Structures are given as structure tokens and as C-alpha cells.
């Protein structure tokens, strides 16, 4: 992997583009100016209402480095399920878990205040370290399900309202399904990545496809599904999943990642923001508002198999949430489905001409006074190509994430 200096100057044209639309004063080399997803989601505006205080998000992953400069003070004591692996839940054997925690709760304090922010910098992270095995290795499917089930139950019993699982296995289990049901019954929400093999066979992954889990796909800066983001009935929501600059395992550096892992972290952070402002809402109400305020498919359909019910828009959920609905009624249909069958790896037949939209499936234009989408598309069209030219770095395809390190 190739590394860049922490404060590499952006090319003038890209800097002008980013600084021109940023909602906070920013100089060309700032890390915040490179976090396009926060600009598009209008994070600073949301932070006037809440930064996620009072909410704990469990990160079930490879561990979370509590000494990372952008995560100091954000990481709680957790649980280590990686028996035989050096360290504990605060030792990240892969770097992935720290990255997810950074996208959720990064404080931006590193580099003298020029660090990476998470979408909900006021939340606390509960780290739960999973066994160190390759994603989707068939011989480890049983162990993955056992560990994930134990992790979910521990997270719930430890007070985590939001549970982030940016991991997956090619098979589920009754044990995993029961753990998710336990989480919902106790008032938590579980978000899981649908996977990064949408252009490589599109196999269904769990727990994203487990009934009761919110499966999250990835969209690019143009609000369209990324090629790698998996698709199918297991996709419930989508979130930014390209060029995500965030805190990671390199103590003095940052990472730039893409994939459904990061998208899931942003969806989890969105739920935490909403819950922080409305602490009396149930998990069902928080999720219902997320679904109702998401930017849905351009075709006008209620959902499709590429971005689900749409792209998360926590700013709208905070500003005009609407009726949160029944406190005790889960808003997604999978729990009520009579037959506990596994979803097909092929997308269900969508209505109208959505099949033609496939890889370019996008969210609807802005509604009401919401300019998020227009800003997002404006940034995406220009910046996507510019970012590629500015950072000509070979992307590292790894077990659970696609990450480029931007550090020493």
C-alpha cells in the first residue's frame, strides 16, 4: 500500500471546489475539506441540534484503537471474542474496526484540530472484537455466526442502542436470527453491510440478510449505487460509500476507504443522531423516520433492490421527522414475512424500467427546501474525477474493506 503525508495539499482546482461549498471555514489542506460526505450531508448544521450525545454505538469488528487521536475519550471498555489474538478489544488487528468507529464518532482533534470527524462525534463507541478470520471463508461460517450472535447480545446488554456490523458471512443461522430478535425486543437497532461483491457474483451475506437487520448499501458522490455494492431484497437503506476520509489504525494518519462497510457506519451514526435528539423514541420509531426521510429511488418506486428505500438523510430526519408512528411496530416487512426463506442473490423484478437503471440507480432529487441532493450531485460530478486525479493511489482490496492509507 502507498502512503501520503497527513497534510498533503490538495490541487488548487479541487481545493477551490471543496472550500467553496464547505459550511465551515477551511483552508486548502484541511482534512475536513476532504470529507465530502459530511459536507453533502450538512454535518455542521446537524451538529447544532445534536452530535449524538447520550447514545452508545457498538462496533462489532476487528477491535477499536482507543488511543487513536481522533477517538481518544470516545471508546468504552468492551469485549474481546478474538481468542488467541494479541491484545484485547482496544487492539485492532486489521484497522477496519477503528475506521468504522472513526466514521461514526471521530472528533477531529488530531493534527492540532485538523483531524477527521465522524458523523456523530458525540456518541460513545462500544468495541467488540471478532475472531480474526477471513470474510466469507466457508470453514469459519459457523464460528462467525456464533461470535456475531454473542457480540450482538453483549452489545444489547451493555446498553448499545445502535449496533454496527460492517462484516458478513455467506450463511446465516438460527442462532444469529435469535440474537437479532433479542436486540429488537430489547430496543436496539442492528445495521449491517450488504457486501462488496455486487460486481463479482452478488452473493447474499449475513447478518445483512437476517430478518430484523437493516441492510445498508453504498452510493457514490453522484447518489448512485456503486458497482461493488451488493443488491437484492436485503438492501434496506444506502449511504455514502466512496472516497470516505476517516481516522484509522495509523496513529498519525488517515484512511480513504470505499465500500458498504463505511456506508453502514454512516447509517449507524445517522440513527444515533436521531436517537440523541429524540431519546424517548423506540427503535421502531427511529428506523421508521429514517425510512420516511430517505431520498428514495428516482423511478418513484417505494424501494428498489439497489438502494433499498433510499439514501439516509439524517438532517431531514432531525429537521422535519414527521410522525414516528407506532412505538411497538417494526417498520420493515421482513419480520412479518411468513416464510423464513433466505433472499435470492438475484434482485427481485422491479417495477417499470428500474431494470434499465440498475448500476445507475439513484435517489430522488431534493424535496421541499432540502438542497442536500443538489449539493451532493454538484460535488460528485466534479469531485469524483478530480479526486481520482489528485490521489493516484492503488486501492488495496482487503478482506472486509477497500482502503487506502493516507499517513506517514
Protein backbone atom coordinates (compact mmCIF):
# COMPACT_ATOMS: atom_id res chain seq x y z
CA UNK A 1 0.00 0.00 0.00
CA UNK A 2 1.12 3.55 -0.69
CA UNK A 3 1.04 6.31 1.90
CA UNK A 4 0.76 10.08 1.60
CA UNK A 5 1.67 12.80 4.06
CA UNK A 6 -1.04 13.68 6.56
CA UNK A 7 -1.24 17.26 5.31
CA UNK A 8 -0.79 16.81 1.57
CA UNK A 9 -2.01 19.95 -0.19
CA UNK A 10 -4.97 19.47 -2.49
CA UNK A 11 -4.59 20.63 -6.09
CA UNK A 12 -5.93 24.17 -6.44
CA UNK A 13 -8.99 23.32 -8.51
CA UNK A 14 -10.15 20.60 -6.14
CA UNK A 15 -9.45 22.76 -3.11
CA UNK A 16 -11.47 25.60 -4.61
CA UNK A 17 -14.36 23.26 -5.31
CA UNK A 18 -14.43 21.82 -1.83
CA UNK A 19 -13.74 25.02 0.08
CA UNK A 20 -16.32 26.86 -1.96
CA UNK A 21 -19.14 24.62 -0.75
CA UNK A 22 -17.94 23.83 2.74
CA UNK A 23 -20.14 25.08 5.57
CA UNK A 24 -17.19 25.82 7.86
CA UNK A 25 -14.10 27.94 7.20
CA UNK A 26 -11.43 25.69 5.80
CA UNK A 27 -8.02 26.05 4.24
CA UNK A 28 -6.92 24.01 1.26
CA UNK A 29 -5.01 21.36 3.13
CA UNK A 30 -7.62 20.67 5.82
CA UNK A 31 -8.76 17.13 6.36
CA UNK A 32 -12.33 18.29 6.92
CA UNK A 33 -12.46 19.74 3.40
CA UNK A 34 -11.72 16.27 2.05
CA UNK A 35 -14.64 14.70 3.90
CA UNK A 36 -17.12 15.30 1.10
CA UNK A 37 -19.77 13.12 2.70
CA UNK A 38 -20.00 15.41 5.74
CA UNK A 39 -20.29 18.46 3.51
CA UNK A 40 -23.01 16.86 1.41
CA UNK A 41 -24.91 15.72 4.50
CA UNK A 42 -24.51 19.21 6.06
CA UNK A 43 -22.98 17.83 9.23
CA UNK A 44 -22.26 21.21 10.82
CA UNK A 45 -25.91 22.15 10.55
CA UNK A 46 -26.95 18.89 12.21
CA UNK A 47 -24.38 19.33 14.97
CA UNK A 48 -26.16 22.50 16.08
CA UNK A 49 -29.01 20.23 17.14
CA UNK A 50 -27.06 17.18 18.31
CA UNK A 51 -23.77 15.38 17.91
CA UNK A 52 -25.15 12.09 19.17
CA UNK A 53 -24.61 12.66 22.88
CA UNK A 54 -26.11 10.05 25.17
CA UNK A 55 -26.09 7.25 22.59
CA UNK A 56 -23.76 4.23 22.56
CA UNK A 57 -22.94 2.58 19.23
CA UNK A 58 -21.47 -0.92 19.33
CA UNK A 59 -18.84 -1.61 16.68
CA UNK A 60 -18.61 -5.36 16.12
CA UNK A 61 -15.43 -5.63 14.14
CA UNK A 62 -11.65 -6.11 14.37
CA UNK A 63 -11.25 -4.02 17.51
CA UNK A 64 -11.08 -0.26 18.02
CA UNK A 65 -7.88 1.58 18.88
CA UNK A 66 -8.86 3.78 21.81
CA UNK A 67 -5.56 5.67 21.51
CA UNK A 68 -6.28 6.93 18.01
CA UNK A 69 -6.03 10.73 18.28
CA UNK A 70 -9.49 11.24 16.82
CA UNK A 71 -11.07 8.64 19.11
CA UNK A 72 -9.47 9.42 22.47
CA UNK A 73 -12.24 9.56 25.06
CA UNK A 74 -14.84 8.09 22.71
CA UNK A 75 -14.18 4.37 23.21
CA UNK A 76 -15.59 2.40 26.12
CA UNK A 77 -14.48 -0.88 27.62
CA UNK A 78 -15.93 -3.67 25.52
CA UNK A 79 -15.45 -7.35 24.86
CA UNK A 80 -12.81 -9.41 23.11
CA UNK A 81 -14.01 -12.50 21.23
CA UNK A 82 -10.75 -12.98 19.32
CA UNK A 83 -9.38 -15.73 21.50
CA UNK A 84 -5.68 -16.32 20.95
CA UNK A 85 -5.15 -12.99 19.16
CA UNK A 86 -2.75 -10.48 20.70
CA UNK A 87 -4.26 -7.70 22.76
CA UNK A 88 -7.91 -7.04 23.53
CA UNK A 89 -10.87 -5.14 22.11
CA UNK A 90 -8.72 -1.99 22.04
CA UNK A 91 -6.18 -3.73 19.81
CA UNK A 92 -7.25 -3.51 16.19
CA UNK A 93 -5.64 -6.42 14.33
CA UNK A 94 -6.93 -5.24 10.96
CA UNK A 95 -7.52 -1.49 11.12
CA UNK A 96 -11.09 -1.92 9.92
CA UNK A 97 -12.87 -1.50 13.24
CA UNK A 98 -11.02 1.70 14.07
CA UNK A 99 -12.00 3.08 10.68
CA UNK A 100 -15.68 2.33 11.28
CA UNK A 101 -15.51 3.94 14.71
CA UNK A 102 -13.80 6.95 13.14
CA UNK A 103 -16.59 7.39 10.58
CA UNK A 104 -19.12 7.26 13.40
CA UNK A 105 -17.51 9.16 16.26
CA UNK A 106 -14.27 10.83 15.14
CA UNK A 107 -13.68 14.12 16.96
CA UNK A 108 -11.33 15.85 14.51
CA UNK A 109 -8.89 16.65 17.33
CA UNK A 110 -5.80 15.13 15.77
CA UNK A 111 -3.24 17.23 13.93
CA UNK A 112 -3.90 20.22 16.15
CA UNK A 113 -7.59 20.18 15.32
CA UNK A 114 -7.19 19.20 11.68
CA UNK A 115 -8.29 15.62 12.12
CA UNK A 116 -11.14 13.53 10.76
CA UNK A 117 -14.66 13.91 12.04
CA UNK A 118 -17.27 11.23 12.38
CA UNK A 119 -20.88 11.95 11.51
CA UNK A 120 -21.88 11.69 15.19
CA UNK A 121 -18.84 12.89 17.18
CA UNK A 122 -20.75 12.91 20.46
CA UNK A 123 -21.52 9.19 20.67
CA UNK A 124 -19.61 6.60 22.63
CA UNK A 125 -18.22 3.51 20.92
CA UNK A 126 -18.58 0.06 22.46
CA UNK A 127 -15.88 -2.09 20.82
CA UNK A 128 -16.46 -5.82 20.39
CA UNK A 129 -13.60 -7.64 18.70
CA UNK A 130 -14.48 -10.56 16.47
CA UNK A 131 -12.22 -13.58 15.76
CA UNK A 132 -9.52 -12.89 13.18
CA UNK A 133 -10.74 -14.96 10.24
CA UNK A 134 -11.12 -14.10 6.58
CA UNK A 135 -14.50 -12.83 5.42
CA UNK A 136 -16.68 -15.48 3.84
CA UNK A 137 -14.25 -18.33 4.48
CA UNK A 138 -16.65 -21.32 4.42
CA UNK A 139 -14.82 -23.18 7.16
CA UNK A 140 -15.36 -20.27 9.53
CA UNK A 141 -19.06 -19.62 8.84
CA UNK A 142 -20.19 -21.41 12.00
CA UNK A 143 -17.68 -19.58 14.16
CA UNK A 144 -18.61 -16.23 12.62
CA UNK A 145 -22.29 -16.79 13.37
CA UNK A 146 -21.53 -17.87 16.93
CA UNK A 147 -19.30 -14.90 17.61
CA UNK A 148 -21.61 -12.39 15.93
CA UNK A 149 -24.57 -13.71 17.91
CA UNK A 150 -22.66 -13.43 21.17
CA UNK A 151 -21.47 -9.94 20.21
CA UNK A 152 -24.99 -8.70 19.46
CA UNK A 153 -26.32 -9.95 22.78
CA UNK A 154 -23.40 -8.43 24.66
CA UNK A 155 -23.91 -5.10 22.90
CA UNK A 156 -27.58 -5.02 23.85
CA UNK A 157 -26.92 -5.98 27.47
CA UNK A 158 -24.24 -3.27 27.64
CA UNK A 159 -26.65 -0.52 26.65
CA UNK A 160 -25.85 -0.06 22.96
CA UNK A 161 -28.87 1.34 21.17
CA UNK A 162 -27.20 1.07 17.78
CA UNK A 163 -25.18 -1.96 16.67
CA UNK A 164 -22.87 -1.62 13.66
CA UNK A 165 -21.70 -4.76 11.85
CA UNK A 166 -19.61 -3.91 8.79
CA UNK A 167 -18.82 -7.59 8.30
CA UNK A 168 -20.54 -10.54 6.71
CA UNK A 169 -20.73 -14.27 6.15
CA UNK A 170 -22.18 -16.24 3.24
CA UNK A 171 -24.58 -18.11 5.53
CA UNK A 172 -26.79 -17.20 8.46
CA UNK A 173 -28.09 -19.31 11.32
CA UNK A 174 -30.98 -19.62 13.75
CA UNK A 175 -28.59 -18.53 16.47
CA UNK A 176 -27.90 -15.29 14.61
CA UNK A 177 -31.59 -14.73 13.86
CA UNK A 178 -32.42 -15.23 17.54
CA UNK A 179 -29.74 -12.74 18.58
CA UNK A 180 -31.15 -10.10 16.23
CA UNK A 181 -34.65 -10.73 17.59
CA UNK A 182 -33.24 -10.30 21.09
CA UNK A 183 -31.75 -6.95 20.09
CA UNK A 184 -35.03 -5.70 18.62
CA UNK A 185 -37.05 -6.89 21.60
CA UNK A 186 -34.68 -5.03 23.93
CA UNK A 187 -34.96 -1.82 21.91
CA UNK A 188 -31.79 -1.74 19.81
CA UNK A 189 -31.23 -1.43 16.05
CA UNK A 190 -28.78 -3.56 14.06
CA UNK A 191 -27.17 -2.18 10.89
CA UNK A 192 -25.05 -4.45 8.66
CA UNK A 193 -23.19 -4.06 5.38
CA UNK A 194 -24.71 -5.90 2.42
CA UNK A 195 -21.24 -6.62 0.99
CA UNK A 196 -18.82 -5.52 -1.72
CA UNK A 197 -19.27 -8.24 -4.33
CA UNK A 198 -22.05 -6.70 -6.37
CA UNK A 199 -19.84 -6.87 -9.43
CA UNK A 200 -18.45 -10.30 -8.53
CA UNK A 201 -21.41 -12.67 -8.30
CA UNK A 202 -23.50 -10.72 -5.79
CA UNK A 203 -23.67 -13.44 -3.09
CA UNK A 204 -26.05 -12.79 -0.19
CA UNK A 205 -24.29 -12.01 3.08
CA UNK A 206 -25.38 -12.22 6.69
CA UNK A 207 -26.29 -10.65 9.05
CA UNK A 208 -27.41 -8.05 6.47
CA UNK A 209 -29.92 -10.57 5.09
CA UNK A 210 -31.07 -11.69 8.55
CA UNK A 211 -34.68 -10.68 9.32
CA UNK A 212 -34.71 -7.59 11.51
CA UNK A 213 -31.31 -6.28 10.39
CA UNK A 214 -31.12 -3.05 8.42
CA UNK A 215 -29.04 -3.95 5.35
CA UNK A 216 -27.01 -1.00 4.06
CA UNK A 217 -25.71 -0.48 0.52
CA UNK A 218 -23.30 2.15 -0.81
CA UNK A 219 -23.77 5.08 -3.16
CA UNK A 220 -21.16 7.30 -4.75
CA UNK A 221 -20.84 11.05 -4.86
CA UNK A 222 -23.45 11.12 -7.62
CA UNK A 223 -26.03 9.40 -5.36
CA UNK A 224 -25.95 6.26 -7.50
CA UNK A 225 -25.26 2.72 -6.35
CA UNK A 226 -21.60 1.82 -6.56
CA UNK A 227 -20.66 -1.11 -8.78
CA UNK A 228 -19.36 -3.16 -5.85
CA UNK A 229 -22.37 -2.59 -3.59
CA UNK A 230 -24.43 -5.77 -3.46
CA UNK A 231 -28.10 -5.66 -4.34
CA UNK A 232 -31.27 -7.58 -3.64
CA UNK A 233 -34.20 -7.62 -1.21
CA UNK A 234 -31.77 -7.46 1.72
CA UNK A 235 -30.92 -3.82 0.91
CA UNK A 236 -32.99 -1.51 3.11
CA UNK A 237 -31.08 1.78 3.02
CA UNK A 238 -27.99 3.26 1.39
CA UNK A 239 -25.36 5.78 2.45
CA UNK A 240 -22.15 7.33 1.08
CA UNK A 241 -19.58 4.65 0.31
CA UNK A 242 -16.82 6.20 -1.82
CA UNK A 243 -13.77 8.34 -1.06
CA UNK A 244 -14.52 8.33 2.67
CA UNK A 245 -11.67 10.00 4.55
CA UNK A 246 -11.62 8.91 8.17
CA UNK A 247 -9.47 8.15 11.18
CA UNK A 248 -7.83 4.74 11.04
CA UNK A 249 -5.19 2.49 12.55
CA UNK A 250 -2.20 4.60 11.58
CA UNK A 251 -1.68 6.76 14.65
CA UNK A 252 -0.57 9.87 12.79
CA UNK A 253 -2.53 9.29 9.62
CA UNK A 254 -5.88 8.78 7.96
CA UNK A 255 -7.51 6.39 5.56
CA UNK A 256 -9.57 6.82 2.44
CA UNK A 257 -11.98 3.95 2.00
CA UNK A 258 -14.85 2.83 -0.17
CA UNK A 259 -17.43 0.09 0.22
CA UNK A 260 -20.57 -0.84 2.11
CA UNK A 261 -18.65 -1.03 5.40
CA UNK A 262 -18.28 2.73 5.58
CA UNK A 263 -21.82 3.26 4.33
CA UNK A 264 -23.08 1.13 7.21
CA UNK A 265 -21.11 3.17 9.72
CA UNK A 266 -22.72 6.36 8.39
CA UNK A 267 -26.19 4.81 8.60
CA UNK A 268 -25.48 3.79 12.20
CA UNK A 269 -24.28 7.29 13.01
CA UNK A 270 -27.45 8.71 11.44
CA UNK A 271 -29.59 6.60 13.75
CA UNK A 272 -27.52 7.76 16.73
CA UNK A 273 -28.09 11.43 15.84
CA UNK A 274 -31.84 10.93 15.63
CA UNK A 275 -31.97 8.97 18.87
CA UNK A 276 -29.91 11.59 20.66
CA UNK A 277 -32.45 14.28 19.79
CA UNK A 278 -35.41 12.01 20.50
CA UNK A 279 -34.27 9.79 23.38
CA UNK A 280 -37.81 8.68 24.19
CA UNK A 281 -38.41 7.16 20.75
CA UNK A 282 -38.26 3.41 20.35
CA UNK A 283 -36.04 1.61 17.87
CA UNK A 284 -39.06 1.17 15.60
CA UNK A 285 -39.75 4.90 15.56
CA UNK A 286 -36.15 5.86 14.86
CA UNK A 287 -35.98 3.43 11.94
CA UNK A 288 -39.36 4.49 10.59
CA UNK A 289 -38.26 8.13 10.48
CA UNK A 290 -35.03 7.12 8.74
CA UNK A 291 -37.03 5.26 6.10
CA UNK A 292 -39.60 8.04 5.68
CA UNK A 293 -36.97 10.76 5.22
CA UNK A 294 -34.60 8.81 2.97
CA UNK A 295 -34.11 10.03 -0.60
CA UNK A 296 -35.95 7.26 -2.43
CA UNK A 297 -35.43 5.78 -5.91
CA UNK A 298 -35.70 8.14 -8.88
CA UNK A 299 -38.23 5.85 -10.55
CA UNK A 300 -40.83 6.78 -7.97
CA UNK A 301 -40.98 3.25 -6.59
CA UNK A 302 -41.17 2.86 -2.82
CA UNK A 303 -37.91 0.93 -2.90
CA UNK A 304 -35.66 -0.97 -5.27
CA UNK A 305 -33.04 -3.65 -4.86
CA UNK A 306 -30.12 -1.26 -5.35
CA UNK A 307 -30.60 1.48 -2.76
CA UNK A 308 -33.49 -0.01 -0.82
CA UNK A 309 -35.87 2.66 0.48
CA UNK A 310 -33.30 5.31 -0.32
CA UNK A 311 -30.23 7.21 0.88
CA UNK A 312 -30.16 8.21 4.54
CA UNK A 313 -30.78 11.88 5.21
CA UNK A 314 -30.33 12.48 8.96
CA UNK A 315 -30.52 16.26 8.53
CA UNK A 316 -34.07 15.96 7.24
CA UNK A 317 -34.91 13.41 9.93
CA UNK A 318 -33.75 15.88 12.57
CA UNK A 319 -35.40 18.91 10.99
CA UNK A 320 -38.76 17.53 9.85
CA UNK A 321 -39.09 13.94 11.09
CA UNK A 322 -42.84 13.69 10.69
CA UNK A 323 -44.88 11.17 12.60
CA UNK A 324 -42.61 8.47 14.08
CA UNK A 325 -45.56 6.10 14.13
CA UNK A 326 -46.31 3.17 16.46
CA UNK A 327 -43.72 2.55 19.13
CA UNK A 328 -44.05 -1.23 19.03
CA UNK A 329 -44.36 -1.95 15.31
CA UNK A 330 -41.23 -2.82 13.31
CA UNK A 331 -41.43 -0.81 10.06
CA UNK A 332 -39.68 -3.22 7.67
CA UNK A 333 -41.61 -6.19 6.23
CA UNK A 334 -39.04 -8.95 6.74
CA UNK A 335 -40.02 -9.81 10.32
CA UNK A 336 -43.64 -10.20 9.32
CA UNK A 337 -42.81 -12.43 6.37
CA UNK A 338 -44.49 -15.78 6.85
CA UNK A 339 -41.75 -17.85 5.24
CA UNK A 340 -38.25 -17.66 6.78
CA UNK A 341 -36.53 -18.17 3.45
CA UNK A 342 -33.15 -16.71 2.53
CA UNK A 343 -33.29 -13.90 -0.02
CA UNK A 344 -32.11 -14.68 -3.50
CA UNK A 345 -28.77 -13.37 -4.63
CA UNK A 346 -30.57 -12.05 -7.69
CA UNK A 347 -32.62 -8.85 -7.34
CA UNK A 348 -36.38 -9.13 -7.33
CA UNK A 349 -38.04 -7.92 -10.50
CA UNK A 350 -38.58 -4.20 -10.00
CA UNK A 351 -41.45 -2.21 -11.37
CA UNK A 352 -41.38 -0.18 -14.55
CA UNK A 353 -37.99 0.46 -16.10
CA UNK A 354 -35.85 0.07 -12.98
CA UNK A 355 -34.06 -2.88 -14.53
CA UNK A 356 -32.67 -0.47 -17.08
CA UNK A 357 -31.43 1.80 -14.29
CA UNK A 358 -29.55 -1.00 -12.49
CA UNK A 359 -26.00 0.26 -11.95
CA UNK A 360 -27.06 3.88 -12.13
CA UNK A 361 -29.93 3.57 -9.67
CA UNK A 362 -30.09 6.86 -7.83
CA UNK A 363 -32.02 8.77 -5.22
CA UNK A 364 -34.76 11.29 -5.96
CA UNK A 365 -33.93 14.98 -6.37
CA UNK A 366 -34.30 17.29 -3.40
CA UNK A 367 -37.76 17.87 -1.94
CA UNK A 368 -39.11 20.91 -0.14
CA UNK A 369 -36.24 23.20 0.92
CA UNK A 370 -33.73 20.37 1.09
CA UNK A 371 -30.68 21.11 -1.03
CA UNK A 372 -28.66 18.12 0.14
CA UNK A 373 -29.15 16.17 -3.05
CA UNK A 374 -28.36 19.06 -5.37
CA UNK A 375 -25.21 19.82 -3.42
CA UNK A 376 -24.27 16.16 -3.37
CA UNK A 377 -24.64 15.77 -7.12
CA UNK A 378 -22.80 19.03 -7.81
CA UNK A 379 -19.91 17.89 -5.66
CA UNK A 380 -19.97 14.39 -7.05
CA UNK A 381 -19.86 15.22 -10.73
CA UNK A 382 -16.83 17.47 -10.41
CA UNK A 383 -15.01 15.99 -7.47
CA UNK A 384 -15.20 12.31 -8.37
CA UNK A 385 -12.88 12.69 -11.33
CA UNK A 386 -10.73 15.25 -9.57
CA UNK A 387 -10.23 13.06 -6.54
CA UNK A 388 -9.11 10.27 -8.81
CA UNK A 389 -6.54 12.53 -10.40
CA UNK A 390 -5.45 14.13 -7.14
CA UNK A 391 -4.86 10.85 -5.35
CA UNK A 392 -3.46 8.40 -7.84
CA UNK A 393 -3.11 5.70 -5.22
CA UNK A 394 -3.59 1.99 -5.88
CA UNK A 395 -6.61 0.90 -3.86
CA UNK A 396 -5.95 -2.02 -1.57
CA UNK A 397 -8.64 -4.67 -1.81
CA UNK A 398 -8.69 -6.33 1.58
CA UNK A 399 -10.80 -8.83 3.42
CA UNK A 400 -13.51 -6.55 4.68
CA UNK A 401 -12.77 -3.19 3.17
CA UNK A 402 -11.24 -1.30 0.32
CA UNK A 403 -8.88 1.14 1.99
CA UNK A 404 -6.02 3.42 1.06
CA UNK A 405 -3.86 4.65 3.89
CA UNK A 406 -3.07 8.35 3.93
CA UNK A 407 -0.47 8.51 6.66
CA UNK A 408 3.21 8.58 7.29
